[in-house]
């Protein structure tokens, strides 16, 4: 297993926060919910992208989107999951919500 280095972030905001805000504020109304709109921005020149980690992140986010689409009340489920620190309990709560929805 490879060790992955985490980039150090010295500020409280990610370096591209201002860029994202600017792009979002001038985007056209697409009729899509904000979570499904695409945002075009360019990374700062000193930002180093690890393409493998980025690909892993997007695969993970896609899987989470598919899982959470099966949960009827995501906010309530997340609040319930936050009450426990045990990952097994959290997964059990999530699986119960999904099975109740089927």
N, C-alpha and C. Protein backbone atom coordinates (compact mmCIF):
# COMPACT_ATOMS: atom_id res chain seq x y z
N UNK A 1 0.85 -1.19 0.00
CA UNK A 1 0.00 0.00 0.00
C UNK A 1 0.89 1.24 0.00
N UNK A 2 0.61 2.16 -0.89
CA UNK A 2 1.41 3.39 -0.98
C UNK A 2 1.00 4.37 0.10
N UNK A 3 1.99 5.08 0.61
CA UNK A 3 1.71 6.19 1.53
C UNK A 3 1.34 7.41 0.69
N UNK A 4 0.30 8.08 1.08
CA UNK A 4 -0.11 9.30 0.36
C UNK A 4 0.14 10.49 1.26
N UNK A 5 0.80 11.47 0.70
CA UNK A 5 1.08 12.69 1.46
C UNK A 5 -0.10 13.63 1.37
N UNK A 6 -0.50 14.16 2.50
CA UNK A 6 -1.59 15.13 2.53
C UNK A 6 -1.02 16.53 2.38
N UNK A 7 -1.58 17.34 1.50
CA UNK A 7 -1.07 18.70 1.37
C UNK A 7 -1.40 19.53 2.61
N UNK A 8 -0.46 20.36 3.00
CA UNK A 8 -0.68 21.23 4.16
C UNK A 8 -1.50 22.44 3.74
N UNK A 9 -2.54 22.71 4.47
CA UNK A 9 -3.37 23.89 4.20
C UNK A 9 -3.17 24.85 5.36
N UNK A 10 -2.65 26.03 5.07
CA UNK A 10 -2.30 26.97 6.12
C UNK A 10 -3.43 27.93 6.44
N UNK A 11 -4.39 28.07 5.56
CA UNK A 11 -5.49 28.99 5.81
C UNK A 11 -6.73 28.19 6.19
N UNK A 12 -7.73 28.89 6.69
CA UNK A 12 -8.97 28.21 7.08
C UNK A 12 -9.82 27.86 5.86
N UNK A 13 -9.54 28.47 4.72
CA UNK A 13 -10.29 28.18 3.50
C UNK A 13 -9.37 27.49 2.50
N UNK A 14 -9.96 26.67 1.65
CA UNK A 14 -9.19 26.05 0.58
C UNK A 14 -8.75 27.14 -0.38
N UNK A 15 -7.61 26.95 -1.05
CA UNK A 15 -7.08 28.01 -1.93
C UNK A 15 -8.03 28.41 -3.05
N UNK A 16 -8.91 27.54 -3.48
CA UNK A 16 -9.77 27.87 -4.61
C UNK A 16 -11.15 28.35 -4.19
N UNK A 17 -11.38 28.66 -2.92
CA UNK A 17 -12.69 29.10 -2.46
C UNK A 17 -13.17 30.35 -3.18
N UNK A 18 -12.31 31.34 -3.33
CA UNK A 18 -12.71 32.59 -3.98
C UNK A 18 -13.07 32.35 -5.44
N UNK A 19 -12.33 31.49 -6.09
CA UNK A 19 -12.59 31.19 -7.49
C UNK A 19 -13.96 30.53 -7.62
N UNK A 20 -14.26 29.56 -6.74
CA UNK A 20 -15.54 28.87 -6.80
C UNK A 20 -16.69 29.84 -6.57
N UNK A 21 -16.56 30.71 -5.57
CA UNK A 21 -17.62 31.68 -5.29
C UNK A 21 -17.89 32.56 -6.50
N UNK A 22 -16.82 33.04 -7.14
CA UNK A 22 -16.97 33.93 -8.28
C UNK A 22 -17.68 33.22 -9.43
N UNK A 23 -17.32 31.97 -9.68
CA UNK A 23 -17.94 31.23 -10.77
C UNK A 23 -19.40 30.92 -10.47
N UNK A 24 -19.71 30.55 -9.24
CA UNK A 24 -21.08 30.21 -8.88
C UNK A 24 -21.98 31.43 -8.99
N UNK A 25 -21.48 32.59 -8.54
CA UNK A 25 -22.32 33.78 -8.54
C UNK A 25 -22.68 34.25 -9.94
N UNK A 26 -21.84 33.97 -10.93
CA UNK A 26 -22.17 34.44 -12.27
C UNK A 26 -22.68 33.33 -13.19
N UNK A 27 -22.98 32.16 -12.62
CA UNK A 27 -23.48 31.07 -13.46
C UNK A 27 -24.93 31.31 -13.86
N UNK A 28 -25.30 30.78 -15.03
CA UNK A 28 -26.67 30.92 -15.53
C UNK A 28 -27.59 29.98 -14.79
N UNK A 29 -28.88 30.29 -14.80
CA UNK A 29 -29.86 29.40 -14.20
C UNK A 29 -30.07 28.22 -15.15
N UNK A 30 -29.64 27.04 -14.73
CA UNK A 30 -29.73 25.86 -15.59
C UNK A 30 -30.98 25.05 -15.30
N UNK A 31 -31.70 25.39 -14.23
CA UNK A 31 -32.86 24.61 -13.86
C UNK A 31 -32.50 23.40 -13.02
N UNK A 32 -31.21 23.16 -12.84
CA UNK A 32 -30.75 22.04 -12.02
C UNK A 32 -30.60 22.49 -10.58
N UNK A 33 -30.75 21.56 -9.62
CA UNK A 33 -30.44 21.93 -8.23
C UNK A 33 -28.97 22.32 -8.15
N UNK A 34 -28.59 23.22 -7.21
CA UNK A 34 -27.20 23.67 -7.11
C UNK A 34 -26.21 22.52 -7.00
N UNK A 35 -26.60 21.41 -6.37
CA UNK A 35 -25.67 20.29 -6.20
C UNK A 35 -25.37 19.58 -7.51
N UNK A 36 -26.17 19.81 -8.55
CA UNK A 36 -25.96 19.12 -9.82
C UNK A 36 -25.45 20.05 -10.92
N UNK A 37 -25.26 21.32 -10.62
CA UNK A 37 -24.72 22.24 -11.61
C UNK A 37 -23.22 22.06 -11.69
N UNK A 38 -22.68 22.27 -12.87
CA UNK A 38 -21.23 22.19 -13.02
C UNK A 38 -20.63 23.57 -12.78
N UNK A 39 -19.46 23.58 -12.21
CA UNK A 39 -18.76 24.83 -11.93
C UNK A 39 -17.43 24.78 -12.67
N UNK A 40 -17.17 25.79 -13.48
CA UNK A 40 -15.90 25.86 -14.20
C UNK A 40 -14.96 26.81 -13.48
N UNK A 41 -13.79 26.29 -13.14
CA UNK A 41 -12.77 27.13 -12.53
C UNK A 41 -11.41 26.53 -12.85
N UNK A 42 -10.38 27.33 -12.73
CA UNK A 42 -9.03 26.81 -12.95
C UNK A 42 -8.28 26.84 -11.63
N UNK A 43 -7.44 25.84 -11.44
CA UNK A 43 -6.65 25.77 -10.22
C UNK A 43 -5.56 26.83 -10.25
N UNK A 44 -5.20 27.37 -9.08
CA UNK A 44 -4.05 28.28 -9.03
C UNK A 44 -2.80 27.56 -9.53
N UNK A 45 -1.84 28.28 -10.07
CA UNK A 45 -0.65 27.66 -10.66
C UNK A 45 0.17 26.88 -9.63
N UNK A 46 0.14 27.30 -8.37
CA UNK A 46 0.94 26.60 -7.36
C UNK A 46 0.20 25.41 -6.74
N UNK A 47 -0.97 25.10 -7.26
CA UNK A 47 -1.76 23.98 -6.75
C UNK A 47 -1.34 22.72 -7.48
N UNK A 48 -0.89 21.71 -6.72
CA UNK A 48 -0.42 20.46 -7.32
C UNK A 48 -1.52 19.41 -7.20
N UNK A 49 -1.93 18.87 -8.32
CA UNK A 49 -3.00 17.89 -8.35
C UNK A 49 -2.40 16.50 -8.44
N UNK A 50 -2.79 15.65 -7.49
CA UNK A 50 -2.44 14.25 -7.58
C UNK A 50 -3.62 13.58 -8.28
N UNK A 51 -3.45 13.26 -9.55
CA UNK A 51 -4.56 12.77 -10.36
C UNK A 51 -5.15 11.47 -9.82
N UNK A 52 -4.31 10.62 -9.25
CA UNK A 52 -4.80 9.36 -8.70
C UNK A 52 -5.70 9.61 -7.49
N UNK A 53 -5.28 10.50 -6.60
CA UNK A 53 -6.11 10.83 -5.44
C UNK A 53 -7.41 11.52 -5.86
N UNK A 54 -7.33 12.38 -6.84
CA UNK A 54 -8.51 13.08 -7.33
C UNK A 54 -9.50 12.09 -7.95
N UNK A 55 -8.99 11.14 -8.72
CA UNK A 55 -9.85 10.11 -9.32
C UNK A 55 -10.50 9.27 -8.23
N UNK A 56 -9.73 8.90 -7.20
CA UNK A 56 -10.28 8.15 -6.06
C UNK A 56 -11.39 8.94 -5.38
N UNK A 57 -11.16 10.22 -5.18
CA UNK A 57 -12.14 11.07 -4.51
C UNK A 57 -13.44 11.12 -5.31
N UNK A 58 -13.34 11.31 -6.62
CA UNK A 58 -14.55 11.39 -7.43
C UNK A 58 -15.29 10.06 -7.50
N UNK A 59 -14.54 8.94 -7.53
CA UNK A 59 -15.21 7.63 -7.48
C UNK A 59 -15.95 7.46 -6.17
N UNK A 60 -15.31 7.85 -5.07
CA UNK A 60 -15.94 7.76 -3.76
C UNK A 60 -17.20 8.64 -3.69
N UNK A 61 -17.09 9.87 -4.17
CA UNK A 61 -18.24 10.78 -4.15
C UNK A 61 -19.40 10.24 -4.99
N UNK A 62 -19.09 9.63 -6.12
CA UNK A 62 -20.14 9.06 -6.97
C UNK A 62 -20.83 7.91 -6.23
N UNK A 63 -20.05 7.07 -5.56
CA UNK A 63 -20.64 5.96 -4.80
C UNK A 63 -21.51 6.49 -3.66
N UNK A 64 -21.03 7.53 -2.98
CA UNK A 64 -21.83 8.12 -1.89
C UNK A 64 -23.13 8.70 -2.44
N UNK A 65 -23.08 9.32 -3.60
CA UNK A 65 -24.28 9.87 -4.22
C UNK A 65 -25.29 8.76 -4.51
N UNK A 66 -24.81 7.62 -5.02
CA UNK A 66 -25.70 6.49 -5.31
C UNK A 66 -26.31 5.92 -4.04
N UNK A 67 -25.51 5.81 -2.98
CA UNK A 67 -26.00 5.28 -1.71
C UNK A 67 -27.03 6.23 -1.10
N UNK A 68 -26.68 7.51 -1.02
CA UNK A 68 -27.57 8.48 -0.37
C UNK A 68 -28.85 8.72 -1.16
N UNK A 69 -28.85 8.44 -2.45
CA UNK A 69 -30.07 8.58 -3.25
C UNK A 69 -31.13 7.57 -2.81
N UNK A 70 -30.70 6.51 -2.14
CA UNK A 70 -31.64 5.48 -1.67
C UNK A 70 -32.15 5.74 -0.26
N UNK A 71 -31.65 6.80 0.37
CA UNK A 71 -32.06 7.14 1.74
C UNK A 71 -33.15 8.21 1.65
N UNK A 72 -34.34 7.94 2.22
CA UNK A 72 -35.44 8.89 2.08
C UNK A 72 -35.21 10.23 2.77
N UNK A 73 -34.60 10.24 3.95
CA UNK A 73 -34.37 11.48 4.68
C UNK A 73 -32.91 11.51 5.12
N UNK A 74 -32.05 12.02 4.25
CA UNK A 74 -30.61 11.99 4.50
C UNK A 74 -30.25 12.78 5.76
N UNK A 75 -30.84 13.96 5.93
CA UNK A 75 -30.50 14.79 7.08
C UNK A 75 -30.81 14.07 8.39
N UNK A 76 -31.98 13.48 8.49
CA UNK A 76 -32.38 12.75 9.70
C UNK A 76 -31.44 11.56 9.94
N UNK A 77 -31.11 10.86 8.86
CA UNK A 77 -30.24 9.70 8.97
C UNK A 77 -28.85 10.11 9.44
N UNK A 78 -28.31 11.19 8.88
CA UNK A 78 -26.99 11.66 9.30
C UNK A 78 -26.99 12.10 10.76
N UNK A 79 -28.06 12.76 11.18
CA UNK A 79 -28.16 13.16 12.59
C UNK A 79 -28.17 11.94 13.50
N UNK A 80 -28.87 10.90 13.09
CA UNK A 80 -28.92 9.66 13.86
C UNK A 80 -27.54 9.00 13.90
N UNK A 81 -26.85 9.01 12.77
CA UNK A 81 -25.52 8.40 12.69
C UNK A 81 -24.50 9.15 13.56
N UNK A 82 -24.65 10.46 13.67
CA UNK A 82 -23.71 11.26 14.45
C UNK A 82 -23.79 10.97 15.94
N UNK A 83 -24.87 10.35 16.39
CA UNK A 83 -25.03 10.04 17.81
C UNK A 83 -24.10 8.91 18.26
N UNK A 84 -23.56 8.17 17.31
CA UNK A 84 -22.68 7.06 17.65
C UNK A 84 -21.29 7.30 17.09
N UNK A 85 -20.28 6.80 17.80
CA UNK A 85 -18.91 6.90 17.30
C UNK A 85 -18.48 5.60 16.64
N UNK A 86 -19.24 4.54 16.84
CA UNK A 86 -18.90 3.23 16.30
C UNK A 86 -19.26 3.16 14.82
N UNK A 87 -18.27 2.96 13.94
CA UNK A 87 -18.56 2.90 12.50
C UNK A 87 -19.54 1.78 12.14
N UNK A 88 -19.50 0.67 12.88
CA UNK A 88 -20.43 -0.43 12.59
C UNK A 88 -21.88 0.00 12.84
N UNK A 89 -22.09 0.75 13.91
CA UNK A 89 -23.44 1.24 14.22
C UNK A 89 -23.89 2.22 13.13
N UNK A 90 -22.98 3.07 12.69
CA UNK A 90 -23.31 4.04 11.63
C UNK A 90 -23.73 3.31 10.35
N UNK A 91 -22.98 2.28 9.98
CA UNK A 91 -23.32 1.52 8.78
C UNK A 91 -24.63 0.77 8.96
N UNK A 92 -24.89 0.28 10.17
CA UNK A 92 -26.14 -0.40 10.45
C UNK A 92 -27.32 0.56 10.27
N UNK A 93 -27.20 1.76 10.82
CA UNK A 93 -28.26 2.77 10.69
C UNK A 93 -28.51 3.07 9.21
N UNK A 94 -27.43 3.26 8.46
CA UNK A 94 -27.56 3.55 7.03
C UNK A 94 -28.23 2.40 6.29
N UNK A 95 -27.81 1.17 6.58
CA UNK A 95 -28.40 0.02 5.90
C UNK A 95 -29.88 -0.14 6.25
N UNK A 96 -30.24 0.15 7.50
CA UNK A 96 -31.64 0.08 7.91
C UNK A 96 -32.49 1.09 7.13
N UNK A 97 -31.97 2.30 6.98
CA UNK A 97 -32.70 3.33 6.23
C UNK A 97 -32.90 2.92 4.77
N UNK A 98 -31.85 2.33 4.20
CA UNK A 98 -31.94 1.91 2.80
C UNK A 98 -32.93 0.75 2.66
N UNK A 99 -32.85 -0.23 3.56
CA UNK A 99 -33.74 -1.40 3.45
C UNK A 99 -35.19 -1.01 3.73
N UNK A 100 -35.41 -0.04 4.61
CA UNK A 100 -36.78 0.43 4.89
C UNK A 100 -37.38 1.12 3.67
N UNK A 101 -36.52 1.68 2.83
CA UNK A 101 -36.97 2.42 1.65
C UNK A 101 -37.29 1.49 0.48
N UNK A 102 -36.84 0.24 0.54
CA UNK A 102 -37.07 -0.70 -0.58
C UNK A 102 -38.32 -1.52 -0.38
